[in-house]
């Protein structure tokens, strides 16, 4: 459950949809 929650959080908040890239923070 922790693993899946972290994965969802990173893909949601660590990814810039407009630029199509993950970001530093």
PDBML (XML) file of the C-alpha atoms, coordinates in Angstrom:
<?xml version="1.0" encoding="UTF-8" ?>
<PDBx:datablock datablockName="MODEL"
   xmlns:PDBx="http://pdbml.pdb.org/schema/pdbx-v50.xsd"
   xmlns:xsi="http://www.w3.org/2001/XMLSchema-instance"
   xsi:schemaLocation="http://pdbml.pdb.org/schema/pdbx-v50.xsd pdbx-v50.xsd">
   <PDBx:atom_siteCategory>
      <PDBx:atom_site id="1">
         <PDBx:B_iso_or_equiv>0.00</PDBx:B_iso_or_equiv>
         <PDBx:Cartn_x>0.000</PDBx:Cartn_x>
         <PDBx:Cartn_y>0.000</PDBx:Cartn_y>
         <PDBx:Cartn_z>0.000</PDBx:Cartn_z>
         <PDBx:auth_asym_id>A</PDBx:auth_asym_id>
         <PDBx:auth_atom_id>CA</PDBx:auth_atom_id>
         <PDBx:auth_comp_id>UNK</PDBx:auth_comp_id>
         <PDBx:auth_seq_id>1</PDBx:auth_seq_id>
         <PDBx:group_PDB>ATOM</PDBx:group_PDB>
         <PDBx:label_alt_id xsi:nil="true" />
         <PDBx:label_asym_id>A</PDBx:label_asym_id>
         <PDBx:label_atom_id>CA</PDBx:label_atom_id>
         <PDBx:label_comp_id>UNK</PDBx:label_comp_id>
         <PDBx:label_entity_id>1</PDBx:label_entity_id>
         <PDBx:label_seq_id>1</PDBx:label_seq_id>
         <PDBx:occupancy>1.00</PDBx:occupancy>
         <PDBx:pdbx_PDB_model_num>1</PDBx:pdbx_PDB_model_num>
         <PDBx:type_symbol>C</PDBx:type_symbol>
      </PDBx:atom_site>
      <PDBx:atom_site id="2">
         <PDBx:B_iso_or_equiv>0.00</PDBx:B_iso_or_equiv>
         <PDBx:Cartn_x>2.836</PDBx:Cartn_x>
         <PDBx:Cartn_y>2.408</PDBx:Cartn_y>
         <PDBx:Cartn_z>0.842</PDBx:Cartn_z>
         <PDBx:auth_asym_id>A</PDBx:auth_asym_id>
         <PDBx:auth_atom_id>CA</PDBx:auth_atom_id>
         <PDBx:auth_comp_id>UNK</PDBx:auth_comp_id>
         <PDBx:auth_seq_id>2</PDBx:auth_seq_id>
         <PDBx:group_PDB>ATOM</PDBx:group_PDB>
         <PDBx:label_alt_id xsi:nil="true" />
         <PDBx:label_asym_id>A</PDBx:label_asym_id>
         <PDBx:label_atom_id>CA</PDBx:label_atom_id>
         <PDBx:label_comp_id>UNK</PDBx:label_comp_id>
         <PDBx:label_entity_id>1</PDBx:label_entity_id>
         <PDBx:label_seq_id>2</PDBx:label_seq_id>
         <PDBx:occupancy>1.00</PDBx:occupancy>
         <PDBx:pdbx_PDB_model_num>1</PDBx:pdbx_PDB_model_num>
         <PDBx:type_symbol>C</PDBx:type_symbol>
      </PDBx:atom_site>
      <PDBx:atom_site id="3">
         <PDBx:B_iso_or_equiv>0.00</PDBx:B_iso_or_equiv>
         <PDBx:Cartn_x>4.639</PDBx:Cartn_x>
         <PDBx:Cartn_y>1.514</PDBx:Cartn_y>
         <PDBx:Cartn_z>-2.390</PDBx:Cartn_z>
         <PDBx:auth_asym_id>A</PDBx:auth_asym_id>
         <PDBx:auth_atom_id>CA</PDBx:auth_atom_id>
         <PDBx:auth_comp_id>UNK</PDBx:auth_comp_id>
         <PDBx:auth_seq_id>3</PDBx:auth_seq_id>
         <PDBx:group_PDB>ATOM</PDBx:group_PDB>
         <PDBx:label_alt_id xsi:nil="true" />
         <PDBx:label_asym_id>A</PDBx:label_asym_id>
         <PDBx:label_atom_id>CA</PDBx:label_atom_id>
         <PDBx:label_comp_id>UNK</PDBx:label_comp_id>
         <PDBx:label_entity_id>1</PDBx:label_entity_id>
         <PDBx:label_seq_id>3</PDBx:label_seq_id>
         <PDBx:occupancy>1.00</PDBx:occupancy>
         <PDBx:pdbx_PDB_model_num>1</PDBx:pdbx_PDB_model_num>
         <PDBx:type_symbol>C</PDBx:type_symbol>
      </PDBx:atom_site>
      <PDBx:atom_site id="4">
         <PDBx:B_iso_or_equiv>0.00</PDBx:B_iso_or_equiv>
         <PDBx:Cartn_x>1.543</PDBx:Cartn_x>
         <PDBx:Cartn_y>2.157</PDBx:Cartn_y>
         <PDBx:Cartn_z>-4.483</PDBx:Cartn_z>
         <PDBx:auth_asym_id>A</PDBx:auth_asym_id>
         <PDBx:auth_atom_id>CA</PDBx:auth_atom_id>
         <PDBx:auth_comp_id>UNK</PDBx:auth_comp_id>
         <PDBx:auth_seq_id>4</PDBx:auth_seq_id>
         <PDBx:group_PDB>ATOM</PDBx:group_PDB>
         <PDBx:label_alt_id xsi:nil="true" />
         <PDBx:label_asym_id>A</PDBx:label_asym_id>
         <PDBx:label_atom_id>CA</PDBx:label_atom_id>
         <PDBx:label_comp_id>UNK</PDBx:label_comp_id>
         <PDBx:label_entity_id>1</PDBx:label_entity_id>
         <PDBx:label_seq_id>4</PDBx:label_seq_id>
         <PDBx:occupancy>1.00</PDBx:occupancy>
         <PDBx:pdbx_PDB_model_num>1</PDBx:pdbx_PDB_model_num>
         <PDBx:type_symbol>C</PDBx:type_symbol>
      </PDBx:atom_site>
      <PDBx:atom_site id="5">
         <PDBx:B_iso_or_equiv>0.00</PDBx:B_iso_or_equiv>
         <PDBx:Cartn_x>0.745</PDBx:Cartn_x>
         <PDBx:Cartn_y>5.424</PDBx:Cartn_y>
         <PDBx:Cartn_z>-2.726</PDBx:Cartn_z>
         <PDBx:auth_asym_id>A</PDBx:auth_asym_id>
         <PDBx:auth_atom_id>CA</PDBx:auth_atom_id>
         <PDBx:auth_comp_id>UNK</PDBx:auth_comp_id>
         <PDBx:auth_seq_id>5</PDBx:auth_seq_id>
         <PDBx:group_PDB>ATOM</PDBx:group_PDB>
         <PDBx:label_alt_id xsi:nil="true" />
         <PDBx:label_asym_id>A</PDBx:label_asym_id>
         <PDBx:label_atom_id>CA</PDBx:label_atom_id>
         <PDBx:label_comp_id>UNK</PDBx:label_comp_id>
         <PDBx:label_entity_id>1</PDBx:label_entity_id>
         <PDBx:label_seq_id>5</PDBx:label_seq_id>
         <PDBx:occupancy>1.00</PDBx:occupancy>
         <PDBx:pdbx_PDB_model_num>1</PDBx:pdbx_PDB_model_num>
         <PDBx:type_symbol>C</PDBx:type_symbol>
      </PDBx:atom_site>
      <PDBx:atom_site id="6">
         <PDBx:B_iso_or_equiv>0.00</PDBx:B_iso_or_equiv>
         <PDBx:Cartn_x>4.261</PDBx:Cartn_x>
         <PDBx:Cartn_y>6.765</PDBx:Cartn_y>
         <PDBx:Cartn_z>-3.307</PDBx:Cartn_z>
         <PDBx:auth_asym_id>A</PDBx:auth_asym_id>
         <PDBx:auth_atom_id>CA</PDBx:auth_atom_id>
         <PDBx:auth_comp_id>UNK</PDBx:auth_comp_id>
         <PDBx:auth_seq_id>6</PDBx:auth_seq_id>
         <PDBx:group_PDB>ATOM</PDBx:group_PDB>
         <PDBx:label_alt_id xsi:nil="true" />
         <PDBx:label_asym_id>A</PDBx:label_asym_id>
         <PDBx:label_atom_id>CA</PDBx:label_atom_id>
         <PDBx:label_comp_id>UNK</PDBx:label_comp_id>
         <PDBx:label_entity_id>1</PDBx:label_entity_id>
         <PDBx:label_seq_id>6</PDBx:label_seq_id>
         <PDBx:occupancy>1.00</PDBx:occupancy>
         <PDBx:pdbx_PDB_model_num>1</PDBx:pdbx_PDB_model_num>
         <PDBx:type_symbol>C</PDBx:type_symbol>
      </PDBx:atom_site>
      <PDBx:atom_site id="7">
         <PDBx:B_iso_or_equiv>0.00</PDBx:B_iso_or_equiv>
         <PDBx:Cartn_x>4.087</PDBx:Cartn_x>
         <PDBx:Cartn_y>5.771</PDBx:Cartn_y>
         <PDBx:Cartn_z>-6.976</PDBx:Cartn_z>
         <PDBx:auth_asym_id>A</PDBx:auth_asym_id>
         <PDBx:auth_atom_id>CA</PDBx:auth_atom_id>
         <PDBx:auth_comp_id>UNK</PDBx:auth_comp_id>
         <PDBx:auth_seq_id>7</PDBx:auth_seq_id>
         <PDBx:group_PDB>ATOM</PDBx:group_PDB>
         <PDBx:label_alt_id xsi:nil="true" />
         <PDBx:label_asym_id>A</PDBx:label_asym_id>
         <PDBx:label_atom_id>CA</PDBx:label_atom_id>
         <PDBx:label_comp_id>UNK</PDBx:label_comp_id>
         <PDBx:label_entity_id>1</PDBx:label_entity_id>
         <PDBx:label_seq_id>7</PDBx:label_seq_id>
         <PDBx:occupancy>1.00</PDBx:occupancy>
         <PDBx:pdbx_PDB_model_num>1</PDBx:pdbx_PDB_model_num>
         <PDBx:type_symbol>C</PDBx:type_symbol>
      </PDBx:atom_site>
      <PDBx:atom_site id="8">
         <PDBx:B_iso_or_equiv>0.00</PDBx:B_iso_or_equiv>
         <PDBx:Cartn_x>0.789</PDBx:Cartn_x>
         <PDBx:Cartn_y>7.595</PDBx:Cartn_y>
         <PDBx:Cartn_z>-7.479</PDBx:Cartn_z>
         <PDBx:auth_asym_id>A</PDBx:auth_asym_id>
         <PDBx:auth_atom_id>CA</PDBx:auth_atom_id>
         <PDBx:auth_comp_id>UNK</PDBx:auth_comp_id>
         <PDBx:auth_seq_id>8</PDBx:auth_seq_id>
         <PDBx:group_PDB>ATOM</PDBx:group_PDB>
         <PDBx:label_alt_id xsi:nil="true" />
         <PDBx:label_asym_id>A</PDBx:label_asym_id>
         <PDBx:label_atom_id>CA</PDBx:label_atom_id>
         <PDBx:label_comp_id>UNK</PDBx:label_comp_id>
         <PDBx:label_entity_id>1</PDBx:label_entity_id>
         <PDBx:label_seq_id>8</PDBx:label_seq_id>
         <PDBx:occupancy>1.00</PDBx:occupancy>
         <PDBx:pdbx_PDB_model_num>1</PDBx:pdbx_PDB_model_num>
         <PDBx:type_symbol>C</PDBx:type_symbol>
      </PDBx:atom_site>
      <PDBx:atom_site id="9">
         <PDBx:B_iso_or_equiv>0.00</PDBx:B_iso_or_equiv>
         <PDBx:Cartn_x>2.051</PDBx:Cartn_x>
         <PDBx:Cartn_y>10.680</PDBx:Cartn_y>
         <PDBx:Cartn_z>-5.657</PDBx:Cartn_z>
         <PDBx:auth_asym_id>A</PDBx:auth_asym_id>
         <PDBx:auth_atom_id>CA</PDBx:auth_atom_id>
         <PDBx:auth_comp_id>UNK</PDBx:auth_comp_id>
         <PDBx:auth_seq_id>9</PDBx:auth_seq_id>
         <PDBx:group_PDB>ATOM</PDBx:group_PDB>
         <PDBx:label_alt_id xsi:nil="true" />
         <PDBx:label_asym_id>A</PDBx:label_asym_id>
         <PDBx:label_atom_id>CA</PDBx:label_atom_id>
         <PDBx:label_comp_id>UNK</PDBx:label_comp_id>
         <PDBx:label_entity_id>1</PDBx:label_entity_id>
         <PDBx:label_seq_id>9</PDBx:label_seq_id>
         <PDBx:occupancy>1.00</PDBx:occupancy>
         <PDBx:pdbx_PDB_model_num>1</PDBx:pdbx_PDB_model_num>
         <PDBx:type_symbol>C</PDBx:type_symbol>
      </PDBx:atom_site>
      <PDBx:atom_site id="10">
         <PDBx:B_iso_or_equiv>0.00</PDBx:B_iso_or_equiv>
         <PDBx:Cartn_x>5.255</PDBx:Cartn_x>
         <PDBx:Cartn_y>10.928</PDBx:Cartn_y>
         <PDBx:Cartn_z>-7.689</PDBx:Cartn_z>
         <PDBx:auth_asym_id>A</PDBx:auth_asym_id>
         <PDBx:auth_atom_id>CA</PDBx:auth_atom_id>
         <PDBx:auth_comp_id>UNK</PDBx:auth_comp_id>
         <PDBx:auth_seq_id>10</PDBx:auth_seq_id>
         <PDBx:group_PDB>ATOM</PDBx:group_PDB>
         <PDBx:label_alt_id xsi:nil="true" />
         <PDBx:label_asym_id>A</PDBx:label_asym_id>
         <PDBx:label_atom_id>CA</PDBx:label_atom_id>
         <PDBx:label_comp_id>UNK</PDBx:label_comp_id>
         <PDBx:label_entity_id>1</PDBx:label_entity_id>
         <PDBx:label_seq_id>10</PDBx:label_seq_id>
         <PDBx:occupancy>1.00</PDBx:occupancy>
         <PDBx:pdbx_PDB_model_num>1</PDBx:pdbx_PDB_model_num>
         <PDBx:type_symbol>C</PDBx:type_symbol>
      </PDBx:atom_site>
      <PDBx:atom_site id="11">
         <PDBx:B_iso_or_equiv>0.00</PDBx:B_iso_or_equiv>
         <PDBx:Cartn_x>3.452</PDBx:Cartn_x>
         <PDBx:Cartn_y>10.455</PDBx:Cartn_y>
         <PDBx:Cartn_z>-10.997</PDBx:Cartn_z>
         <PDBx:auth_asym_id>A</PDBx:auth_asym_id>
         <PDBx:auth_atom_id>CA</PDBx:auth_atom_id>
         <PDBx:auth_comp_id>UNK</PDBx:auth_comp_id>
         <PDBx:auth_seq_id>11</PDBx:auth_seq_id>
         <PDBx:group_PDB>ATOM</PDBx:group_PDB>
         <PDBx:label_alt_id xsi:nil="true" />
         <PDBx:label_asym_id>A</PDBx:label_asym_id>
         <PDBx:label_atom_id>CA</PDBx:label_atom_id>
         <PDBx:label_comp_id>UNK</PDBx:label_comp_id>
         <PDBx:label_entity_id>1</PDBx:label_entity_id>
         <PDBx:label_seq_id>11</PDBx:label_seq_id>
         <PDBx:occupancy>1.00</PDBx:occupancy>
         <PDBx:pdbx_PDB_model_num>1</PDBx:pdbx_PDB_model_num>
         <PDBx:type_symbol>C</PDBx:type_symbol>
      </PDBx:atom_site>
      <PDBx:atom_site id="12">
         <PDBx:B_iso_or_equiv>0.00</PDBx:B_iso_or_equiv>
         <PDBx:Cartn_x>0.891</PDBx:Cartn_x>
         <PDBx:Cartn_y>13.091</PDBx:Cartn_y>
         <PDBx:Cartn_z>-9.999</PDBx:Cartn_z>
         <PDBx:auth_asym_id>A</PDBx:auth_asym_id>
         <PDBx:auth_atom_id>CA</PDBx:auth_atom_id>
         <PDBx:auth_comp_id>UNK</PDBx:auth_comp_id>
         <PDBx:auth_seq_id>12</PDBx:auth_seq_id>
         <PDBx:group_PDB>ATOM</PDBx:group_PDB>
         <PDBx:label_alt_id xsi:nil="true" />
         <PDBx:label_asym_id>A</PDBx:label_asym_id>
         <PDBx:label_atom_id>CA</PDBx:label_atom_id>
         <PDBx:label_comp_id>UNK</PDBx:label_comp_id>
         <PDBx:label_entity_id>1</PDBx:label_entity_id>
         <PDBx:label_seq_id>12</PDBx:label_seq_id>
         <PDBx:occupancy>1.00</PDBx:occupancy>
         <PDBx:pdbx_PDB_model_num>1</PDBx:pdbx_PDB_model_num>
         <PDBx:type_symbol>C</PDBx:type_symbol>
      </PDBx:atom_site>
      <PDBx:atom_site id="13">
         <PDBx:B_iso_or_equiv>0.00</PDBx:B_iso_or_equiv>
         <PDBx:Cartn_x>3.012</PDBx:Cartn_x>
         <PDBx:Cartn_y>15.777</PDBx:Cartn_y>
         <PDBx:Cartn_z>-8.325</PDBx:Cartn_z>
         <PDBx:auth_asym_id>A</PDBx:auth_asym_id>
         <PDBx:auth_atom_id>CA</PDBx:auth_atom_id>
         <PDBx:auth_comp_id>UNK</PDBx:auth_comp_id>
         <PDBx:auth_seq_id>13</PDBx:auth_seq_id>
         <PDBx:group_PDB>ATOM</PDBx:group_PDB>
         <PDBx:label_alt_id xsi:nil="true" />
         <PDBx:label_asym_id>A</PDBx:label_asym_id>
         <PDBx:label_atom_id>CA</PDBx:label_atom_id>
         <PDBx:label_comp_id>UNK</PDBx:label_comp_id>
         <PDBx:label_entity_id>1</PDBx:label_entity_id>
         <PDBx:label_seq_id>13</PDBx:label_seq_id>
         <PDBx:occupancy>1.00</PDBx:occupancy>
         <PDBx:pdbx_PDB_model_num>1</PDBx:pdbx_PDB_model_num>
         <PDBx:type_symbol>C</PDBx:type_symbol>
      </PDBx:atom_site>
      <PDBx:atom_site id="14">
         <PDBx:B_iso_or_equiv>0.00</PDBx:B_iso_or_equiv>
         <PDBx:Cartn_x>6.511</PDBx:Cartn_x>
         <PDBx:Cartn_y>15.082</PDBx:Cartn_y>
         <PDBx:Cartn_z>-9.642</PDBx:Cartn_z>
         <PDBx:auth_asym_id>A</PDBx:auth_asym_id>
         <PDBx:auth_atom_id>CA</PDBx:auth_atom_id>
         <PDBx:auth_comp_id>UNK</PDBx:auth_comp_id>
         <PDBx:auth_seq_id>14</PDBx:auth_seq_id>
         <PDBx:group_PDB>ATOM</PDBx:group_PDB>
         <PDBx:label_alt_id xsi:nil="true" />
         <PDBx:label_asym_id>A</PDBx:label_asym_id>
         <PDBx:label_atom_id>CA</PDBx:label_atom_id>
         <PDBx:label_comp_id>UNK</PDBx:label_comp_id>
         <PDBx:label_entity_id>1</PDBx:label_entity_id>
         <PDBx:label_seq_id>14</PDBx:label_seq_id>
         <PDBx:occupancy>1.00</PDBx:occupancy>
         <PDBx:pdbx_PDB_model_num>1</PDBx:pdbx_PDB_model_num>
         <PDBx:type_symbol>C</PDBx:type_symbol>
      </PDBx:atom_site>
      <PDBx:atom_site id="15">
         <PDBx:B_iso_or_equiv>0.00</PDBx:B_iso_or_equiv>
         <PDBx:Cartn_x>5.521</PDBx:Cartn_x>
         <PDBx:Cartn_y>15.112</PDBx:Cartn_y>
         <PDBx:Cartn_z>-13.310</PDBx:Cartn_z>
         <PDBx:auth_asym_id>A</PDBx:auth_asym_id>
         <PDBx:auth_atom_id>CA</PDBx:auth_atom_id>
         <PDBx:auth_comp_id>UNK</PDBx:auth_comp_id>
         <PDBx:auth_seq_id>15</PDBx:auth_seq_id>
         <PDBx:group_PDB>ATOM</PDBx:group_PDB>
         <PDBx:label_alt_id xsi:nil="true" />
         <PDBx:label_asym_id>A</PDBx:label_asym_id>
         <PDBx:label_atom_id>CA</PDBx:label_atom_id>
         <PDBx:label_comp_id>UNK</PDBx:label_comp_id>
         <PDBx:label_entity_id>1</PDBx:label_entity_id>
         <PDBx:label_seq_id>15</PDBx:label_seq_id>
         <PDBx:occupancy>1.00</PDBx:occupancy>
         <PDBx:pdbx_PDB_model_num>1</PDBx:pdbx_PDB_model_num>
         <PDBx:type_symbol>C</PDBx:type_symbol>
      </PDBx:atom_site>
      <PDBx:atom_site id="16">
         <PDBx:B_iso_or_equiv>0.00</PDBx:B_iso_or_equiv>
         <PDBx:Cartn_x>4.981</PDBx:Cartn_x>
         <PDBx:Cartn_y>18.207</PDBx:Cartn_y>
         <PDBx:Cartn_z>-15.436</PDBx:Cartn_z>
         <PDBx:auth_asym_id>A</PDBx:auth_asym_id>
         <PDBx:auth_atom_id>CA</PDBx:auth_atom_id>
         <PDBx:auth_comp_id>UNK</PDBx:auth_comp_id>
         <PDBx:auth_seq_id>16</PDBx:auth_seq_id>
         <PDBx:group_PDB>ATOM</PDBx:group_PDB>
         <PDBx:label_alt_id xsi:nil="true" />
         <PDBx:label_asym_id>A</PDBx:label_asym_id>
         <PDBx:label_atom_id>CA</PDBx:label_atom_id>
         <PDBx:label_comp_id>UNK</PDBx:label_comp_id>
         <PDBx:label_entity_id>1</PDBx:label_entity_id>
         <PDBx:label_seq_id>16</PDBx:label_seq_id>
         <PDBx:occupancy>1.00</PDBx:occupancy>
         <PDBx:pdbx_PDB_model_num>1</PDBx:pdbx_PDB_model_num>
         <PDBx:type_symbol>C</PDBx:type_symbol>
      </PDBx:atom_site>
      <PDBx:atom_site id="17">
         <PDBx:B_iso_or_equiv>0.00</PDBx:B_iso_or_equiv>
         <PDBx:Cartn_x>2.222</PDBx:Cartn_x>
         <PDBx:Cartn_y>17.293</PDBx:Cartn_y>
         <PDBx:Cartn_z>-17.891</PDBx:Cartn_z>
         <PDBx:auth_asym_id>A</PDBx:auth_asym_id>
         <PDBx:auth_atom_id>CA</PDBx:auth_atom_id>
         <PDBx:auth_comp_id>UNK</PDBx:auth_comp_id>
         <PDBx:auth_seq_id>17</PDBx:auth_seq_id>
         <PDBx:group_PDB>ATOM</PDBx:group_PDB>
         <PDBx:label_alt_id xsi:nil="true" />
         <PDBx:label_asym_id>A</PDBx:label_asym_id>
         <PDBx:label_atom_id>CA</PDBx:label_atom_id>
         <PDBx:label_comp_id>UNK</PDBx:label_comp_id>
         <PDBx:label_entity_id>1</PDBx:label_entity_id>
         <PDBx:label_seq_id>17</PDBx:label_seq_id>
         <PDBx:occupancy>1.00</PDBx:occupancy>
         <PDBx:pdbx_PDB_model_num>1</PDBx:pdbx_PDB_model_num>
         <PDBx:type_symbol>C</PDBx:type_symbol>
      </PDBx:atom_site>
      <PDBx:atom_site id="18">
         <PDBx:B_iso_or_equiv>0.00</PDBx:B_iso_or_equiv>
         <PDBx:Cartn_x>2.739</PDBx:Cartn_x>
         <PDBx:Cartn_y>20.391</PDBx:Cartn_y>
         <PDBx:Cartn_z>-20.027</PDBx:Cartn_z>
         <PDBx:auth_asym_id>A</PDBx:auth_asym_id>
         <PDBx:auth_atom_id>CA</PDBx:auth_atom_id>
         <PDBx:auth_comp_id>UNK</PDBx:auth_comp_id>
         <PDBx:auth_seq_id>18</PDBx:auth_seq_id>
         <PDBx:group_PDB>ATOM</PDBx:group_PDB>
         <PDBx:label_alt_id xsi:nil="true" />
         <PDBx:label_asym_id>A</PDBx:label_asym_id>
         <PDBx:label_atom_id>CA</PDBx:label_atom_id>
         <PDBx:label_comp_id>UNK</PDBx:label_comp_id>
         <PDBx:label_entity_id>1</PDBx:label_entity_id>
         <PDBx:label_seq_id>18</PDBx:label_seq_id>
         <PDBx:occupancy>1.00</PDBx:occupancy>
         <PDBx:pdbx_PDB_model_num>1</PDBx:pdbx_PDB_model_num>
         <PDBx:type_symbol>C</PDBx:type_symbol>
      </PDBx:atom_site>
      <PDBx:atom_site id="19">
         <PDBx:B_iso_or_equiv>0.00</PDBx:B_iso_or_equiv>
         <PDBx:Cartn_x>6.484</PDBx:Cartn_x>
         <PDBx:Cartn_y>19.838</PDBx:Cartn_y>
         <PDBx:Cartn_z>-20.521</PDBx:Cartn_z>
         <PDBx:auth_asym_id>A</PDBx:auth_asym_id>
         <PDBx:auth_atom_id>CA</PDBx:auth_atom_id>
         <PDBx:auth_comp_id>UNK</PDBx:auth_comp_id>
         <PDBx:auth_seq_id>19</PDBx:auth_seq_id>
         <PDBx:group_PDB>ATOM</PDBx:group_PDB>
         <PDBx:label_alt_id xsi:nil="true" />
         <PDBx:label_asym_id>A</PDBx:label_asym_id>
         <PDBx:label_atom_id>CA</PDBx:label_atom_id>
         <PDBx:label_comp_id>UNK</PDBx:label_comp_id>
         <PDBx:label_entity_id>1</PDBx:label_entity_id>
         <PDBx:label_seq_id>19</PDBx:label_seq_id>
         <PDBx:occupancy>1.00</PDBx:occupancy>
         <PDBx:pdbx_PDB_model_num>1</PDBx:pdbx_PDB_model_num>
         <PDBx:type_symbol>C</PDBx:type_symbol>
      </PDBx:atom_site>
      <PDBx:atom_site id="20">
         <PDBx:B_iso_or_equiv>0.00</PDBx:B_iso_or_equiv>
         <PDBx:Cartn_x>6.177</PDBx:Cartn_x>
         <PDBx:Cartn_y>16.036</PDBx:Cartn_y>
         <PDBx:Cartn_z>-20.424</PDBx:Cartn_z>
         <PDBx:auth_asym_id>A</PDBx:auth_asym_id>
         <PDBx:auth_atom_id>CA</PDBx:auth_atom_id>
         <PDBx:auth_comp_id>UNK</PDBx:auth_comp_id>
         <PDBx:auth_seq_id>20</PDBx:auth_seq_id>
         <PDBx:group_PDB>ATOM</PDBx:group_PDB>
         <PDBx:label_alt_id xsi:nil="true" />
         <PDBx:label_asym_id>A</PDBx:label_asym_id>
         <PDBx:label_atom_id>CA</PDBx:label_atom_id>
         <PDBx:label_comp_id>UNK</PDBx:label_comp_id>
         <PDBx:label_entity_id>1</PDBx:label_entity_id>
         <PDBx:label_seq_id>20</PDBx:label_seq_id>
         <PDBx:occupancy>1.00</PDBx:occupancy>
         <PDBx:pdbx_PDB_model_num>1</PDBx:pdbx_PDB_model_num>
         <PDBx:type_symbol>C</PDBx:type_symbol>
      </PDBx:atom_site>
      <PDBx:atom_site id="21">
         <PDBx:B_iso_or_equiv>0.00</PDBx:B_iso_or_equiv>
         <PDBx:Cartn_x>8.966</PDBx:Cartn_x>
         <PDBx:Cartn_y>15.540</PDBx:Cartn_y>
         <PDBx:Cartn_z>-17.910</PDBx:Cartn_z>
         <PDBx:auth_asym_id>A</PDBx:auth_asym_id>
         <PDBx:auth_atom_id>CA</PDBx:auth_atom_id>
         <PDBx:auth_comp_id>UNK</PDBx:auth_comp_id>
         <PDBx:auth_seq_id>21</PDBx:auth_seq_id>
         <PDBx:group_PDB>ATOM</PDBx:group_PDB>
         <PDBx:label_alt_id xsi:nil="true" />
         <PDBx:label_asym_id>A</PDBx:label_asym_id>
         <PDBx:label_atom_id>CA</PDBx:label_atom_id>
         <PDBx:label_comp_id>UNK</PDBx:label_comp_id>
         <PDBx:label_entity_id>1</PDBx:label_entity_id>
         <PDBx:label_seq_id>21</PDBx:label_seq_id>
         <PDBx:occupancy>1.00</PDBx:occupancy>
         <PDBx:pdbx_PDB_model_num>1</PDBx:pdbx_PDB_model_num>
         <PDBx:type_symbol>C</PDBx:type_symbol>
      </PDBx:atom_site>
      <PDBx:atom_site id="22">
         <PDBx:B_iso_or_equiv>0.00</PDBx:B_iso_or_equiv>
         <PDBx:Cartn_x>9.511</PDBx:Cartn_x>
         <PDBx:Cartn_y>14.711</PDBx:Cartn_y>
         <PDBx:Cartn_z>-14.276</PDBx:Cartn_z>
         <PDBx:auth_asym_id>A</PDBx:auth_asym_id>
         <PDBx:auth_atom_id>CA</PDBx:auth_atom_id>
         <PDBx:auth_comp_id>UNK</PDBx:auth_comp_id>
         <PDBx:auth_seq_id>22</PDBx:auth_seq_id>
         <PDBx:group_PDB>ATOM</PDBx:group_PDB>
         <PDBx:label_alt_id xsi:nil="true" />
         <PDBx:label_asym_id>A</PDBx:label_asym_id>
         <PDBx:label_atom_id>CA</PDBx:label_atom_id>
         <PDBx:label_comp_id>UNK</PDBx:label_comp_id>
         <PDBx:label_entity_id>1</PDBx:label_entity_id>
         <PDBx:label_seq_id>22</PDBx:label_seq_id>
         <PDBx:occupancy>1.00</PDBx:occupancy>
         <PDBx:pdbx_PDB_model_num>1</PDBx:pdbx_PDB_model_num>
         <PDBx:type_symbol>C</PDBx:type_symbol>
      </PDBx:atom_site>
      <PDBx:atom_site id="23">
         <PDBx:B_iso_or_equiv>0.00</PDBx:B_iso_or_equiv>
         <PDBx:Cartn_x>10.978</PDBx:Cartn_x>
         <PDBx:Cartn_y>17.615</PDBx:Cartn_y>
         <PDBx:Cartn_z>-12.317</PDBx:Cartn_z>
         <PDBx:auth_asym_id>A</PDBx:auth_asym_id>
         <PDBx:auth_atom_id>CA</PDBx:auth_atom_id>
         <PDBx:auth_comp_id>UNK</PDBx:auth_comp_id>
         <PDBx:auth_seq_id>23</PDBx:auth_seq_id>
         <PDBx:group_PDB>ATOM</PDBx:group_PDB>
         <PDBx:label_alt_id xsi:nil="true" />
         <PDBx:label_asym_id>A</PDBx:label_asym_id>
         <PDBx:label_atom_id>CA</PDBx:label_atom_id>
         <PDBx:label_comp_id>UNK</PDBx:label_comp_id>
         <PDBx:label_entity_id>1</PDBx:label_entity_id>
         <PDBx:label_seq_id>23</PDBx:label_seq_id>
         <PDBx:occupancy>1.00</PDBx:occupancy>
         <PDBx:pdbx_PDB_model_num>1</PDBx:pdbx_PDB_model_num>
         <PDBx:type_symbol>C</PDBx:type_symbol>
      </PDBx:atom_site>
      <PDBx:atom_site id="24">
         <PDBx:B_iso_or_equiv>0.00</PDBx:B_iso_or_equiv>
         <PDBx:Cartn_x>13.509</PDBx:Cartn_x>
         <PDBx:Cartn_y>18.082</PDBx:Cartn_y>
         <PDBx:Cartn_z>-9.541</PDBx:Cartn_z>
         <PDBx:auth_asym_id>A</PDBx:auth_asym_id>
         <PDBx:auth_atom_id>CA</PDBx:auth_atom_id>
         <PDBx:auth_comp_id>UNK</PDBx:auth_comp_id>
         <PDBx:auth_seq_id>24</PDBx:auth_seq_id>
         <PDBx:group_PDB>ATOM</PDBx:group_PDB>
         <PDBx:label_alt_id xsi:nil="true" />
         <PDBx:label_asym_id>A</PDBx:label_asym_id>
         <PDBx:label_atom_id>CA</PDBx:label_atom_id>
         <PDBx:label_comp_id>UNK</PDBx:label_comp_id>
         <PDBx:label_entity_id>1</PDBx:label_entity_id>
         <PDBx:label_seq_id>24</PDBx:label_seq_id>
         <PDBx:occupancy>1.00</PDBx:occupancy>
         <PDBx:pdbx_PDB_model_num>1</PDBx:pdbx_PDB_model_num>
         <PDBx:type_symbol>C</PDBx:type_symbol>
      </PDBx:atom_site>
      <PDBx:atom_site id="25">
         <PDBx:B_iso_or_equiv>0.00</PDBx:B_iso_or_equiv>
         <PDBx:Cartn_x>10.887</PDBx:Cartn_x>
         <PDBx:Cartn_y>18.594</PDBx:Cartn_y>
         <PDBx:Cartn_z>-6.839</PDBx:Cartn_z>
         <PDBx:auth_asym_id>A</PDBx:auth_asym_id>
         <PDBx:auth_atom_id>CA</PDBx:auth_atom_id>
         <PDBx:auth_comp_id>UNK</PDBx:auth_comp_id>
         <PDBx:auth_seq_id>25</PDBx:auth_seq_id>
         <PDBx:group_PDB>ATOM</PDBx:group_PDB>
         <PDBx:label_alt_id xsi:nil="true" />
         <PDBx:label_asym_id>A</PDBx:label_asym_id>
         <PDBx:label_atom_id>CA</PDBx:label_atom_id>
         <PDBx:label_comp_id>UNK</PDBx:label_comp_id>
         <PDBx:label_entity_id>1</PDBx:label_entity_id>
         <PDBx:label_seq_id>25</PDBx:label_seq_id>
         <PDBx:occupancy>1.00</PDBx:occupancy>
         <PDBx:pdbx_PDB_model_num>1</PDBx:pdbx_PDB_model_num>
         <PDBx:type_symbol>C</PDBx:type_symbol>
      </PDBx:atom_site>
   </PDBx:atom_siteCategory>
</PDBx:datablock>
